[in-house]
Amino acid sequence: MNVARLEGLPDRNTTISWYESFLGRKAQNMDYYDVLARFRLAIVGMRAVDRQIGLGSIPATTTARTHAPIMRMLAQRLGEPQPEVGEDFFAFMAALGMH
């Protein structure tokens, strides 16, 4: 999501290797779990947008549900066209107090 990794936070491969060493076996189906994690986060984001619509903070015509950074990540992972993140998403973030 174009955010710098926090210092000391291991990369994906290192994290998986550590998990496998504690698990005592090879992690399986990582592609599935990667898509599932992105999908679940996308649902959380969509529900957050719906909540702000319900509160009247943003208009019901917003594209923030489908044009958010997590939707770009999910589309990229699935090999689909990636939506542009636009002003609607930033208006949604502003409604949350995250300018």
Protein backbone atom coordinates (compact mmCIF):
# COMPACT_ATOMS: atom_id res chain seq x y z
CA MET A 1 0.00 0.00 0.00
CA ASN A 2 3.03 2.23 -0.52
CA VAL A 3 3.70 2.52 3.21
CA ALA A 4 7.23 2.05 4.49
CA ARG A 5 7.72 -1.14 6.49
CA LEU A 6 8.29 -0.47 10.15
CA GLU A 7 11.88 -0.94 11.25
CA GLY A 8 12.41 -4.41 12.68
CA LEU A 9 9.25 -5.89 11.15
CA PRO A 10 10.22 -9.04 9.24
CA ASP A 11 9.31 -9.48 5.59
CA ARG A 12 6.72 -12.01 4.40
CA ASN A 13 9.18 -14.85 3.74
CA THR A 14 10.87 -14.46 7.11
CA THR A 15 7.51 -14.39 8.89
CA ILE A 16 6.39 -17.56 7.11
CA SER A 17 9.70 -19.27 7.92
CA TRP A 18 9.34 -18.43 11.61
CA TYR A 19 5.74 -19.66 11.61
CA GLU A 20 6.81 -22.92 9.96
CA SER A 21 9.61 -23.44 12.46
CA PHE A 22 7.17 -23.10 15.38
CA LEU A 23 4.50 -25.14 13.58
CA GLY A 24 6.94 -27.93 12.86
CA ARG A 25 5.83 -28.32 9.26
CA LYS A 26 5.57 -26.42 6.00
CA ALA A 27 2.79 -23.83 5.73
CA GLN A 28 0.35 -24.80 3.00
CA ASN A 29 -2.16 -23.01 0.79
CA MET A 30 -0.55 -19.60 1.35
CA ASP A 31 -2.01 -18.27 -1.91
CA TYR A 32 -5.51 -19.08 -0.68
CA TYR A 33 -4.91 -17.45 2.72
CA ASP A 34 -3.38 -14.39 1.08
CA VAL A 35 -6.51 -13.86 -1.06
CA LEU A 36 -8.76 -14.63 1.93
CA ALA A 37 -6.99 -12.04 4.11
CA ARG A 38 -7.33 -9.36 1.45
CA PHE A 39 -10.97 -10.26 0.84
CA ARG A 40 -11.83 -10.10 4.54
CA LEU A 41 -10.11 -6.73 4.90
CA ALA A 42 -11.99 -5.47 1.83
CA ILE A 43 -15.28 -6.46 3.48
CA VAL A 44 -14.32 -4.58 6.66
CA GLY A 45 -13.51 -1.52 4.55
CA MET A 46 -16.80 -1.71 2.67
CA ARG A 47 -18.75 -1.96 5.93
CA ALA A 48 -16.88 1.07 7.28
CA VAL A 49 -17.89 3.04 4.19
CA ASP A 50 -21.49 1.87 4.58
CA ARG A 51 -21.44 3.06 8.20
CA GLN A 52 -20.26 6.52 7.19
CA ILE A 53 -22.98 6.66 4.52
CA GLY A 54 -25.54 5.72 7.18
CA LEU A 55 -24.25 8.49 9.44
CA GLY A 56 -24.58 10.98 6.59
CA SER A 57 -20.84 11.72 6.61
CA ILE A 58 -20.37 10.82 2.95
CA PRO A 59 -22.85 10.49 0.06
CA ALA A 60 -24.38 7.16 -0.94
CA THR A 61 -22.94 7.69 -4.44
CA THR A 62 -19.38 7.34 -3.15
CA THR A 63 -16.93 5.06 -4.91
CA ALA A 64 -14.93 4.59 -1.69
CA ARG A 65 -16.20 1.00 -1.35
CA THR A 66 -14.71 -0.15 -4.62
CA HIS A 67 -11.88 2.35 -5.10
CA ALA A 68 -9.87 1.87 -1.91
CA PRO A 69 -6.25 0.75 -1.47
CA ILE A 70 -7.30 -2.70 -0.22
CA MET A 71 -9.44 -3.17 -3.34
CA ARG A 72 -6.38 -2.36 -5.46
CA MET A 73 -4.39 -4.97 -3.53
CA LEU A 74 -7.13 -7.60 -3.93
CA ALA A 75 -7.54 -6.87 -7.66
CA GLN A 76 -3.77 -7.03 -8.17
CA ARG A 77 -3.56 -10.37 -6.35
CA LEU A 78 -6.38 -11.78 -8.50
CA GLY A 79 -4.88 -10.44 -11.72
CA GLU A 80 -7.80 -8.08 -12.28
CA PRO A 81 -7.75 -4.40 -13.32
CA GLN A 82 -6.87 -2.23 -10.34
CA PRO A 83 -9.28 0.61 -9.49
CA GLU A 84 -7.86 4.09 -9.04
CA VAL A 85 -8.05 5.42 -5.50
CA GLY A 86 -9.70 8.81 -5.81
CA GLU A 87 -11.19 11.71 -3.95
CA ASP A 88 -14.12 9.66 -2.63
CA PHE A 89 -11.75 7.45 -0.65
CA PHE A 90 -9.95 10.48 0.81
CA ALA A 91 -13.33 12.04 1.73
CA PHE A 92 -14.19 8.78 3.52
CA MET A 93 -10.89 8.88 5.42
CA ALA A 94 -11.51 12.51 6.33
CA ALA A 95 -14.96 11.55 7.69
CA LEU A 96 -13.12 9.13 9.99
CA GLY A 97 -10.82 11.92 11.11
CA MET A 98 -7.86 10.50 9.16
CA HIS A 99 -6.90 13.30 6.81
